[in-house]
Amino acid sequence: MFDVVQVGHLSIDSIFLPNRKTPFNVLGGSVAYSSFAARRLSATVSIISKVGSDFPKAYLWWLEQEGINLSVVEAESAQTTRFELTYNNRLSSRKLRLKSKAPSITVEDVPKSLKAKIVHVAPIVGEITYGVVEKLKSCAKWLSLDPQGLVRNPDKKGNVTRDSITNKRIIELVDIYKSSLNEIKATTGMSNLKSGIKAVHDYGVKTVIVTLGMKGTVLSVEGTIYRIPACKPEKFVDPTGAGDVFIGGFLAEYIRGESLLWCACVGSAAASLVVEAAGPTFFGNKLEIYRRAQVIHEKEIKQ
């Protein structure tokens, strides 16, 4: 029985930042960022993923050193999923290019004995189908979804744009939904935040989270909307993975029965730490995450 099981591709990311001539080549994938954050908060974590023969063994060692279970990470003879991420000068937007894709995760890849408090489904390039999510739903008390990889649509050159989810029935299986503003618009086809949130709730989802970068986070619980302030980082180096770290922190507190507002404050605090360095290399410690979360919690949270 794990606290959190993360499902989606691990990747190799080349991150181009405006103040550097050469990219950072680092471990990537939503499940990597989210797992590191959950482990910082003492949750037990396992990853279900597929990588290629080119996936560095040092990355596997790194994940295992953090106490993340990799028994269901399969190495294939194919290539690992790789992305190029190129940020603008203000780090406010990026271009995404898919360079290679690992084999998809199948129903057969889900262990029959799998049990978790929460399964977090976090595809990055359409590697998970409805059938897989349906199987995962039966393995956990709660199911969480980040749909970013379900709305990504790479062209022949790998340049990524957003499109709608092919099978929206996936959303009907979800207890907790988390995405960016652009992703919820793509997911639902709605043009604004409130209508997008309502559309996700209409699928039966009880908790909807929309991250808005430095503008904070919107948390909607069965239709009641709260605005969680962003936690200001000490420095802003690389925004990659901030939303993934948010949900990792959120879920680690959620399984302990904490209030949803506190879970969101912890998520915001954890996200403020990862952006202080390039890639998934800095997460602070539990005490610092909680200290920053308390500062946010004491602010006025608007409803």
C-alpha atoms as a PDB file:
ATOM      1  CA  MET A   1       0.000   0.000   0.000  1.00  0.00           C
ATOM      2  CA  PHE A   2       1.596   3.236  -1.195  1.00  0.00           C
ATOM      3  CA  ASP A   3       0.431   6.710  -0.257  1.00  0.00           C
ATOM      4  CA  VAL A   4       0.786   7.963  -3.838  1.00  0.00           C
ATOM      5  CA  VAL A   5       1.322   6.047  -7.080  1.00  0.00           C
ATOM      6  CA  GLN A   6       2.396   8.281  -9.979  1.00  0.00           C
ATOM      7  CA  VAL A   7       1.643   7.131 -13.525  1.00  0.00           C
ATOM      8  CA  GLY A   8       3.156   8.670 -16.665  1.00  0.00           C
ATOM      9  CA  HIS A   9       6.360   8.881 -18.649  1.00  0.00           C
ATOM     10  CA  LEU A  10       9.628   9.902 -17.115  1.00  0.00           C
ATOM     11  CA  SER A  11      11.521  11.979 -19.659  1.00  0.00           C
ATOM     12  CA  ILE A  12      14.802  13.594 -20.554  1.00  0.00           C
ATOM     13  CA  ASP A  13      14.346  17.362 -20.836  1.00  0.00           C
ATOM     14  CA  SER A  14      16.525  19.937 -22.543  1.00  0.00           C
ATOM     15  CA  ILE A  15      15.599  23.245 -20.905  1.00  0.00           C
ATOM     16  CA  PHE A  16      16.613  26.424 -22.751  1.00  0.00           C
ATOM     17  CA  LEU A  17      16.627  29.417 -20.395  1.00  0.00           C
ATOM     18  CA  PRO A  18      17.078  32.989 -21.710  1.00  0.00           C
ATOM     19  CA  ASN A  19      20.242  33.712 -19.709  1.00  0.00           C
ATOM     20  CA  ARG A  20      22.142  30.629 -20.930  1.00  0.00           C
ATOM     21  CA  LYS A  21      23.652  29.739 -24.304  1.00  0.00           C
ATOM     22  CA  THR A  22      23.403  25.989 -23.707  1.00  0.00           C
ATOM     23  CA  PRO A  23      20.462  24.007 -22.325  1.00  0.00           C
ATOM     24  CA  PHE A  24      20.176  22.170 -19.046  1.00  0.00           C
ATOM     25  CA  ASN A  25      19.716  18.471 -19.777  1.00  0.00           C
ATOM     26  CA  VAL A  26      17.848  17.006 -16.825  1.00  0.00           C
ATOM     27  CA  LEU A  27      15.426  14.370 -15.627  1.00  0.00           C
ATOM     28  CA  GLY A  28      11.880  15.404 -16.547  1.00  0.00           C
ATOM     29  CA  GLY A  29       8.285  14.278 -16.546  1.00  0.00           C
ATOM     30  CA  SER A  30       5.388  15.285 -14.325  1.00  0.00           C
ATOM     31  CA  VAL A  31       5.742  12.110 -12.271  1.00  0.00           C
ATOM     32  CA  ALA A  32       9.358  12.944 -11.409  1.00  0.00           C
ATOM     33  CA  TYR A  33       8.610  16.442 -10.094  1.00  0.00           C
ATOM     34  CA  SER A  34       5.459  15.366  -8.266  1.00  0.00           C
ATOM     35  CA  SER A  35       7.154  12.335  -6.703  1.00  0.00           C
ATOM     36  CA  PHE A  36      10.079  14.356  -5.376  1.00  0.00           C
ATOM     37  CA  ALA A  37       7.667  16.823  -3.761  1.00  0.00           C
ATOM     38  CA  ALA A  38       5.542  14.122  -2.144  1.00  0.00           C
ATOM     39  CA  ARG A  39       8.648  12.399  -0.776  1.00  0.00           C
ATOM     40  CA  ARG A  40       9.879  15.656   0.757  1.00  0.00           C
ATOM     41  CA  LEU A  41       6.667  15.537   2.782  1.00  0.00           C
ATOM     42  CA  SER A  42       7.256  11.915   3.824  1.00  0.00           C
ATOM     43  CA  ALA A  43       4.652  10.247   1.592  1.00  0.00           C
ATOM     44  CA  THR A  44       5.453   6.771   0.303  1.00  0.00           C
ATOM     45  CA  VAL A  45       5.647   6.947  -3.493  1.00  0.00           C
ATOM     46  CA  SER A  46       5.839   4.536  -6.426  1.00  0.00           C
ATOM     47  CA  ILE A  47       6.108   5.333 -10.135  1.00  0.00           C
ATOM     48  CA  ILE A  48       4.611   3.402 -13.053  1.00  0.00           C
ATOM     49  CA  SER A  49       6.442   4.437 -16.216  1.00  0.00           C
ATOM     50  CA  LYS A  50       8.322   3.332 -19.308  1.00  0.00           C
ATOM     51  CA  VAL A  51      11.719   4.573 -20.419  1.00  0.00           C
ATOM     52  CA  GLY A  52      14.098   3.652 -23.204  1.00  0.00           C
ATOM     53  CA  SER A  53      17.561   2.119 -23.254  1.00  0.00           C
ATOM     54  CA  ASP A  54      18.941   5.684 -23.464  1.00  0.00           C
ATOM     55  CA  PHE A  55      17.526   6.660 -20.043  1.00  0.00           C
ATOM     56  CA  PRO A  56      20.505   7.460 -17.782  1.00  0.00           C
ATOM     57  CA  LYS A  57      21.027   4.997 -14.941  1.00  0.00           C
ATOM     58  CA  ALA A  58      22.033   7.996 -12.828  1.00  0.00           C
ATOM     59  CA  TYR A  59      18.435   9.244 -13.009  1.00  0.00           C
ATOM     60  CA  LEU A  60      17.132   5.910 -11.710  1.00  0.00           C
ATOM     61  CA  TRP A  61      19.697   6.023  -8.908  1.00  0.00           C
ATOM     62  CA  TRP A  62      18.650   9.584  -8.092  1.00  0.00           C
ATOM     63  CA  LEU A  63      14.964   8.636  -7.809  1.00  0.00           C
ATOM     64  CA  GLU A  64      15.763   5.593  -5.688  1.00  0.00           C
ATOM     65  CA  GLN A  65      17.976   7.653  -3.394  1.00  0.00           C
ATOM     66  CA  GLU A  66      14.936   9.818  -2.684  1.00  0.00           C
ATOM     67  CA  GLY A  67      13.079   6.679  -1.582  1.00  0.00           C
ATOM     68  CA  ILE A  68      10.832   6.397  -4.650  1.00  0.00           C
ATOM     69  CA  ASN A  69       9.806   2.857  -5.612  1.00  0.00           C
ATOM     70  CA  LEU A  70      10.700   2.099  -9.241  1.00  0.00           C
ATOM     71  CA  SER A  71       9.707  -1.577  -9.391  1.00  0.00           C
ATOM     72  CA  VAL A  72       7.154  -0.775 -12.126  1.00  0.00           C
ATOM     73  CA  VAL A  73       9.443   1.397 -14.260  1.00  0.00           C
ATOM     74  CA  GLU A  74      10.099  -0.677 -17.377  1.00  0.00           C
ATOM     75  CA  ALA A  75      13.129  -0.156 -19.619  1.00  0.00           C
ATOM     76  CA  GLU A  76      12.339  -0.785 -23.288  1.00  0.00           C
ATOM     77  CA  SER A  77      14.653  -1.094 -26.290  1.00  0.00           C
ATOM     78  CA  ALA A  78      12.991   2.016 -27.746  1.00  0.00           C
ATOM     79  CA  GLN A  79      13.876   5.636 -26.951  1.00  0.00           C
ATOM     80  CA  THR A  80      12.906   7.558 -23.846  1.00  0.00           C
ATOM     81  CA  THR A  81      10.421  10.416 -24.168  1.00  0.00           C
ATOM     82  CA  ARG A  82      12.424  13.604 -24.751  1.00  0.00           C
ATOM     83  CA  PHE A  83      11.331  17.231 -24.843  1.00  0.00           C
ATOM     84  CA  GLU A  84      12.953  20.555 -25.655  1.00  0.00           C
ATOM     85  CA  LEU A  85      11.557  23.422 -23.580  1.00  0.00           C
ATOM     86  CA  THR A  86      12.459  26.930 -24.766  1.00  0.00           C
ATOM     87  CA  TYR A  87      11.433  29.830 -22.511  1.00  0.00           C
ATOM     88  CA  ASN A  88      10.948  33.486 -23.444  1.00  0.00           C
ATOM     89  CA  ASN A  89      12.927  36.264 -21.777  1.00  0.00           C
ATOM     90  CA  ARG A  90      10.386  36.742 -18.978  1.00  0.00           C
ATOM     91  CA  LEU A  91      10.019  32.993 -18.298  1.00  0.00           C
ATOM     92  CA  SER A  92       6.285  33.545 -18.744  1.00  0.00           C
ATOM     93  CA  SER A  93       5.788  31.208 -21.711  1.00  0.00           C
ATOM     94  CA  ARG A  94       7.611  28.425 -23.492  1.00  0.00           C
ATOM     95  CA  LYS A  95       7.732  26.460 -26.718  1.00  0.00           C
ATOM     96  CA  LEU A  96       7.623  22.700 -26.376  1.00  0.00           C
ATOM     97  CA  ARG A  97       9.077  20.268 -28.899  1.00  0.00           C
ATOM     98  CA  LEU A  98       8.795  16.496 -28.686  1.00  0.00           C
ATOM     99  CA  LYS A  99      12.010  14.786 -29.821  1.00  0.00           C
ATOM    100  CA  SER A 100      11.097  11.157 -29.074  1.00  0.00           C
ATOM    101  CA  LYS A 101       8.402   9.127 -27.349  1.00  0.00           C
ATOM    102  CA  ALA A 102       8.685   5.968 -25.257  1.00  0.00           C
ATOM    103  CA  PRO A 103       6.119   3.156 -25.639  1.00  0.00           C
ATOM    104  CA  SER A 104       2.715   3.777 -24.111  1.00  0.00           C
ATOM    105  CA  ILE A 105       1.703   2.443 -20.689  1.00  0.00           C
ATOM    106  CA  THR A 106      -0.788  -0.412 -21.019  1.00  0.00           C
ATOM    107  CA  VAL A 107      -3.308  -2.134 -18.766  1.00  0.00           C
ATOM    108  CA  GLU A 108      -0.890  -5.055 -18.502  1.00  0.00           C
ATOM    109  CA  ASP A 109       1.725  -2.714 -16.998  1.00  0.00           C
ATOM    110  CA  VAL A 110      -0.477  -2.101 -13.942  1.00  0.00           C
ATOM    111  CA  PRO A 111       0.358  -4.732 -11.279  1.00  0.00           C
ATOM    112  CA  LYS A 112      -2.606  -6.817 -10.133  1.00  0.00           C
ATOM    113  CA  SER A 113      -1.484  -6.323  -6.542  1.00  0.00           C
ATOM    114  CA  LEU A 114      -1.269  -2.516  -6.797  1.00  0.00           C
ATOM    115  CA  LYS A 115      -2.870  -0.652  -3.886  1.00  0.00           C
ATOM    116  CA  ALA A 116      -2.613   3.067  -3.167  1.00  0.00           C
ATOM    117  CA  LYS A 117      -4.366   5.783  -1.243  1.00  0.00           C
ATOM    118  CA  ILE A 118      -4.117   8.019  -4.307  1.00  0.00           C
ATOM    119  CA  VAL A 119      -3.164   7.262  -7.896  1.00  0.00           C
ATOM    120  CA  HIS A 120      -2.034  10.401  -9.729  1.00  0.00           C
ATOM    121  CA  VAL A 121      -2.322  10.056 -13.513  1.00  0.00           C
ATOM    122  CA  ALA A 122       0.085  12.467 -15.190  1.00  0.00           C
ATOM    123  CA  PRO A 123       0.739  11.706 -18.869  1.00  0.00           C
ATOM    124  CA  ILE A 124       3.021  14.031 -20.806  1.00  0.00           C
ATOM    125  CA  VAL A 125       2.450  12.856 -24.386  1.00  0.00           C
ATOM    126  CA  GLY A 126      -0.713  10.774 -24.669  1.00  0.00           C
ATOM    127  CA  GLU A 127       0.865   7.619 -23.223  1.00  0.00           C
ATOM    128  CA  ILE A 128      -2.177   6.658 -21.104  1.00  0.00           C
ATOM    129  CA  THR A 129      -5.596   5.503 -22.354  1.00  0.00           C
ATOM    130  CA  TYR A 130      -9.042   5.319 -20.777  1.00  0.00           C
ATOM    131  CA  GLY A 131      -8.622   1.591 -20.139  1.00  0.00           C
ATOM    132  CA  VAL A 132      -5.464   2.168 -18.109  1.00  0.00           C
ATOM    133  CA  VAL A 133      -7.108   4.908 -16.039  1.00  0.00           C
ATOM    134  CA  GLU A 134     -10.130   2.679 -15.433  1.00  0.00           C
ATOM    135  CA  LYS A 135      -7.831  -0.072 -14.123  1.00  0.00           C
ATOM    136  CA  LEU A 136      -5.955   2.406 -11.926  1.00  0.00           C
ATOM    137  CA  LYS A 137      -9.233   3.682 -10.484  1.00  0.00           C
ATOM    138  CA  SER A 138      -9.871   0.238  -9.004  1.00  0.00           C
ATOM    139  CA  CYS A 139      -6.491   0.258  -7.243  1.00  0.00           C
ATOM    140  CA  ALA A 140      -6.934   3.384  -5.134  1.00  0.00           C
ATOM    141  CA  LYS A 141      -9.221   5.234  -2.792  1.00  0.00           C
ATOM    142  CA  TRP A 142      -8.877   8.399  -4.863  1.00  0.00           C
ATOM    143  CA  LEU A 143      -7.818   9.163  -8.448  1.00  0.00           C
ATOM    144  CA  SER A 144      -6.071  12.393  -9.405  1.00  0.00           C
ATOM    145  CA  LEU A 145      -5.520  13.628 -12.974  1.00  0.00           C
ATOM    146  CA  ASP A 146      -3.256  16.145 -14.661  1.00  0.00           C
ATOM    147  CA  PRO A 147      -4.431  16.109 -18.314  1.00  0.00           C
ATOM    148  CA  GLN A 148      -1.513  18.017 -19.842  1.00  0.00           C
ATOM    149  CA  GLY A 149      -0.296  15.030 -21.870  1.00  0.00           C
ATOM    150  CA  LEU A 150      -3.821  14.296 -23.090  1.00  0.00           C
ATOM    151  CA  VAL A 151      -4.239  17.750 -24.663  1.00  0.00           C
ATOM    152  CA  ARG A 152      -0.779  17.967 -26.250  1.00  0.00           C
ATOM    153  CA  ASN A 153      -0.778  17.532 -30.021  1.00  0.00           C
ATOM    154  CA  PRO A 154       2.737  17.371 -31.556  1.00  0.00           C
ATOM    155  CA  ASP A 155       3.045  17.933 -35.297  1.00  0.00           C
ATOM    156  CA  LYS A 156       5.421  16.030 -37.618  1.00  0.00           C
ATOM    157  CA  LYS A 157       8.329  18.191 -36.468  1.00  0.00           C
ATOM    158  CA  GLY A 158       7.454  17.640 -32.808  1.00  0.00           C
ATOM    159  CA  ASN A 159       6.182  21.165 -32.175  1.00  0.00           C
ATOM    160  CA  VAL A 160       3.482  20.883 -29.515  1.00  0.00           C
ATOM    161  CA  THR A 161       0.119  22.635 -29.567  1.00  0.00           C
ATOM    162  CA  ARG A 162      -3.008  21.887 -27.518  1.00  0.00           C
ATOM    163  CA  ASP A 163      -6.126  20.050 -28.604  1.00  0.00           C
ATOM    164  CA  SER A 164      -9.135  18.589 -26.802  1.00  0.00           C
ATOM    165  CA  ILE A 165      -9.020  15.248 -24.958  1.00  0.00           C
ATOM    166  CA  THR A 166      -9.922  12.411 -27.319  1.00  0.00           C
ATOM    167  CA  ASN A 167     -11.916  10.482 -24.718  1.00  0.00           C
ATOM    168  CA  LYS A 168     -13.449  12.810 -22.125  1.00  0.00           C
ATOM    169  CA  ARG A 169     -14.881   9.836 -20.226  1.00  0.00           C
ATOM    170  CA  ILE A 170     -11.535   9.764 -18.429  1.00  0.00           C
ATOM    171  CA  ILE A 171     -12.637  12.826 -16.464  1.00  0.00           C
ATOM    172  CA  GLU A 172     -15.649  10.927 -15.105  1.00  0.00           C
ATOM    173  CA  LEU A 173     -13.252   8.632 -13.220  1.00  0.00           C
ATOM    174  CA  VAL A 174     -11.461  11.480 -11.438  1.00  0.00           C
ATOM    175  CA  ASP A 175     -11.769  12.735  -7.851  1.00  0.00           C
ATOM    176  CA  ILE A 176      -9.108  15.478  -8.080  1.00  0.00           C
ATOM    177  CA  TYR A 177      -8.353  17.405 -11.290  1.00  0.00           C
ATOM    178  CA  LYS A 178      -5.323  19.715 -11.650  1.00  0.00           C
ATOM    179  CA  SER A 179      -4.216  21.697 -14.688  1.00  0.00           C
ATOM    180  CA  SER A 180      -3.093  25.095 -15.926  1.00  0.00           C
ATOM    181  CA  LEU A 181      -5.575  27.632 -17.275  1.00  0.00           C
ATOM    182  CA  ASN A 182      -4.772  26.837 -20.917  1.00  0.00           C
ATOM    183  CA  GLU A 183      -5.078  23.122 -20.247  1.00  0.00           C
ATOM    184  CA  ILE A 184      -8.521  23.353 -18.644  1.00  0.00           C
ATOM    185  CA  LYS A 185      -9.676  25.421 -21.614  1.00  0.00           C
ATOM    186  CA  ALA A 186      -8.382  22.731 -23.974  1.00  0.00           C
ATOM    187  CA  THR A 187      -9.831  19.942 -21.832  1.00  0.00           C
ATOM    188  CA  THR A 188     -13.335  21.408 -21.689  1.00  0.00           C
ATOM    189  CA  GLY A 189     -13.522  23.600 -24.789  1.00  0.00           C
ATOM    190  CA  MET A 190     -14.593  26.504 -22.584  1.00  0.00           C
ATOM    191  CA  SER A 191     -13.182  29.984 -23.114  1.00  0.00           C
ATOM    192  CA  ASN A 192     -12.850  31.147 -19.516  1.00  0.00           C
ATOM    193  CA  LEU A 193     -11.832  29.862 -16.100  1.00  0.00           C
ATOM    194  CA  LYS A 194     -15.187  29.663 -14.332  1.00  0.00           C
ATOM    195  CA  SER A 195     -16.965  27.900 -17.167  1.00  0.00           C
ATOM    196  CA  GLY A 196     -14.057  25.473 -17.478  1.00  0.00           C
ATOM    197  CA  ILE A 197     -14.173  24.659 -13.775  1.00  0.00           C
ATOM    198  CA  LYS A 198     -17.930  24.135 -13.918  1.00  0.00           C
ATOM    199  CA  ALA A 199     -17.552  21.828 -16.907  1.00  0.00           C
ATOM    200  CA  VAL A 200     -15.046  19.639 -15.023  1.00  0.00           C
ATOM    201  CA  HIS A 201     -17.341  19.529 -11.980  1.00  0.00           C
ATOM    202  CA  ASP A 202     -20.190  18.487 -14.281  1.00  0.00           C
ATOM    203  CA  TYR A 203     -18.249  15.285 -15.023  1.00  0.00           C
ATOM    204  CA  GLY A 204     -18.523  14.433 -11.318  1.00  0.00           C
ATOM    205  CA  VAL A 205     -15.126  15.731 -10.187  1.00  0.00           C
ATOM    206  CA  LYS A 206     -15.319  17.049  -6.612  1.00  0.00           C
ATOM    207  CA  THR A 207     -12.024  18.969  -6.417  1.00  0.00           C
ATOM    208  CA  VAL A 208     -10.738  21.124  -9.281  1.00  0.00           C
ATOM    209  CA  ILE A 209      -7.380  22.927  -9.128  1.00  0.00           C
ATOM    210  CA  VAL A 210      -6.154  25.429 -11.712  1.00  0.00           C
ATOM    211  CA  THR A 211      -2.624  26.788 -11.352  1.00  0.00           C
ATOM    212  CA  LEU A 212      -2.040  30.337 -12.595  1.00  0.00           C
ATOM    213  CA  GLY A 213       1.714  30.787 -12.100  1.00  0.00           C
ATOM    214  CA  MET A 214       2.616  33.842 -10.063  1.00  0.00           C
ATOM    215  CA  LYS A 215      -1.075  34.777  -9.918  1.00  0.00           C
ATOM    216  CA  GLY A 216      -1.644  31.890  -7.528  1.00  0.00           C
ATOM    217  CA  THR A 217      -4.037  28.981  -7.714  1.00  0.00           C
ATOM    218  CA  VAL A 218      -7.785  28.543  -7.958  1.00  0.00           C
ATOM    219  CA  LEU A 219      -9.242  25.742  -5.843  1.00  0.00           C
ATOM    220  CA  SER A 220     -12.849  24.753  -6.464  1.00  0.00           C
ATOM    221  CA  VAL A 221     -14.501  22.323  -4.046  1.00  0.00           C
ATOM    222  CA  GLU A 222     -17.896  21.132  -5.275  1.00  0.00           C
ATOM    223  CA  GLY A 223     -18.448  24.549  -6.860  1.00  0.00           C
ATOM    224  CA  THR A 224     -17.124  26.809  -4.087  1.00  0.00           C
ATOM    225  CA  ILE A 225     -14.110  28.685  -5.430  1.00  0.00           C
ATOM    226  CA  TYR A 226     -11.088  29.797  -3.377  1.00  0.00           C
ATOM    227  CA  ARG A 227      -8.093  31.798  -4.573  1.00  0.00           C
ATOM    228  CA  ILE A 228      -4.805  30.684  -3.030  1.00  0.00           C
ATOM    229  CA  PRO A 229      -1.992  33.280  -3.201  1.00  0.00           C
ATOM    230  CA  ALA A 230       1.265  32.327  -4.860  1.00  0.00           C
ATOM    231  CA  CYS A 231       4.215  31.855  -2.534  1.00  0.00           C
ATOM    232  CA  LYS A 232       6.971  34.196  -3.658  1.00  0.00           C
ATOM    233  CA  PRO A 233      10.291  32.405  -4.296  1.00  0.00           C
ATOM    234  CA  GLU A 234      13.581  33.865  -3.125  1.00  0.00           C
ATOM    235  CA  LYS A 235      14.741  33.764  -6.759  1.00  0.00           C
ATOM    236  CA  PHE A 236      13.103  32.713 -10.010  1.00  0.00           C
ATOM    237  CA  VAL A 237      15.317  30.503 -12.181  1.00  0.00           C
ATOM    238  CA  ASP A 238      13.184  27.903 -13.963  1.00  0.00           C
ATOM    239  CA  PRO A 239       9.376  27.500 -13.857  1.00  0.00           C
ATOM    240  CA  THR A 240       9.463  23.931 -15.232  1.00  0.00           C
ATOM    241  CA  GLY A 241       7.470  21.499 -13.108  1.00  0.00           C
ATOM    242  CA  ALA A 242       6.015  24.035 -10.677  1.00  0.00           C
ATOM    243  CA  GLY A 243       2.467  22.769 -11.234  1.00  0.00           C
ATOM    244  CA  ASP A 244       3.624  19.167 -10.838  1.00  0.00           C
ATOM    245  CA  VAL A 245       5.329  20.000  -7.562  1.00  0.00           C
ATOM    246  CA  PHE A 246       2.145  21.772  -6.440  1.00  0.00           C
ATOM    247  CA  ILE A 247       0.053  18.629  -6.872  1.00  0.00           C
ATOM    248  CA  GLY A 248       2.751  16.480  -5.266  1.00  0.00           C
ATOM    249  CA  GLY A 249       2.631  18.633  -2.145  1.00  0.00           C
ATOM    250  CA  PHE A 250      -1.161  18.853  -2.237  1.00  0.00           C
ATOM    251  CA  LEU A 251      -1.635  15.082  -2.429  1.00  0.00           C
ATOM    252  CA  ALA A 252       0.905  14.359   0.313  1.00  0.00           C
ATOM    253  CA  GLU A 253      -1.196  16.442   2.715  1.00  0.00           C
ATOM    254  CA  TYR A 254      -4.536  15.262   1.307  1.00  0.00           C
ATOM    255  CA  ILE A 255      -3.921  11.640   2.279  1.00  0.00           C
ATOM    256  CA  ARG A 256      -3.413  12.786   5.877  1.00  0.00           C
ATOM    257  CA  GLY A 257      -6.883  14.298   5.979  1.00  0.00           C
ATOM    258  CA  GLU A 258      -5.721  17.920   6.073  1.00  0.00           C
ATOM    259  CA  SER A 259      -8.099  20.674   4.957  1.00  0.00           C
ATOM    260  CA  LEU A 260      -8.096  21.355   1.231  1.00  0.00           C
ATOM    261  CA  LEU A 261      -7.039  24.960   1.830  1.00  0.00           C
ATOM    262  CA  TRP A 262      -3.995  23.806   3.801  1.00  0.00           C
ATOM    263  CA  CYS A 263      -3.179  21.212   1.110  1.00  0.00           C
ATOM    264  CA  ALA A 264      -3.238  23.990  -1.498  1.00  0.00           C
ATOM    265  CA  CYS A 265      -1.007  26.229   0.639  1.00  0.00           C
ATOM    266  CA  VAL A 266       1.525  23.400   0.987  1.00  0.00           C
ATOM    267  CA  GLY A 267       1.386  22.840  -2.775  1.00  0.00           C
ATOM    268  CA  SER A 268       2.048  26.525  -3.417  1.00  0.00           C
ATOM    269  CA  ALA A 269       4.939  26.551  -0.944  1.00  0.00           C
ATOM    270  CA  ALA A 270       6.550  23.482  -2.507  1.00  0.00           C
ATOM    271  CA  ALA A 271       6.206  24.986  -5.989  1.00  0.00           C
ATOM    272  CA  SER A 272       7.970  28.164  -4.839  1.00  0.00           C
ATOM    273  CA  LEU A 273      11.047  26.143  -3.946  1.00  0.00           C
ATOM    274  CA  VAL A 274      11.485  24.136  -7.163  1.00  0.00           C
ATOM    275  CA  VAL A 275      11.569  27.289  -9.335  1.00  0.00           C
ATOM    276  CA  GLU A 276      14.646  28.504  -7.463  1.00  0.00           C
ATOM    277  CA  ALA A 277      16.888  26.116  -9.443  1.00  0.00           C
ATOM    278  CA  ALA A 278      16.966  24.507 -12.903  1.00  0.00           C
ATOM    279  CA  GLY A 279      15.055  21.261 -13.324  1.00  0.00           C
ATOM    280  CA  PRO A 280      13.981  19.008 -10.438  1.00  0.00           C
ATOM    281  CA  THR A 281      17.106  19.757  -8.413  1.00  0.00           C
ATOM    282  CA  PHE A 282      15.861  21.799  -5.445  1.00  0.00           C
ATOM    283  CA  PHE A 283      12.854  21.098  -3.234  1.00  0.00           C
ATOM    284  CA  GLY A 284      13.955  22.424   0.143  1.00  0.00           C
ATOM    285  CA  ASN A 285      13.003  20.407   3.216  1.00  0.00           C
ATOM    286  CA  LYS A 286       9.726  19.679   4.971  1.00  0.00           C
ATOM    287  CA  LEU A 287      10.178  22.380   7.605  1.00  0.00           C
ATOM    288  CA  GLU A 288      10.796  25.082   4.983  1.00  0.00           C
ATOM    289  CA  ILE A 289       7.805  23.949   2.928  1.00  0.00           C
ATOM    290  CA  TYR A 290       5.561  24.092   5.991  1.00  0.00           C
ATOM    291  CA  ARG A 291       6.991  27.477   7.036  1.00  0.00           C
ATOM    292  CA  ARG A 292       6.182  28.981   3.648  1.00  0.00           C
ATOM    293  CA  ALA A 293       2.772  27.284   3.629  1.00  0.00           C
ATOM    294  CA  GLN A 294       1.927  28.809   7.003  1.00  0.00           C
ATOM    295  CA  VAL A 295       2.712  32.282   5.679  1.00  0.00           C
ATOM    296  CA  ILE A 296       0.243  31.747   2.824  1.00  0.00           C
ATOM    297  CA  HIS A 297      -2.354  30.182   5.124  1.00  0.00           C
ATOM    298  CA  GLU A 298      -2.299  33.231   7.375  1.00  0.00           C
ATOM    299  CA  LYS A 299      -3.045  35.519   4.422  1.00  0.00           C
ATOM    300  CA  GLU A 300      -6.580  36.300   3.400  1.00  0.00           C
ATOM    301  CA  ILE A 301      -7.736  33.481   1.127  1.00  0.00           C
ATOM    302  CA  LYS A 302     -10.464  34.921  -1.068  1.00  0.00           C
ATOM    303  CA  GLN A 303     -13.628  33.026  -1.807  1.00  0.00           C
END
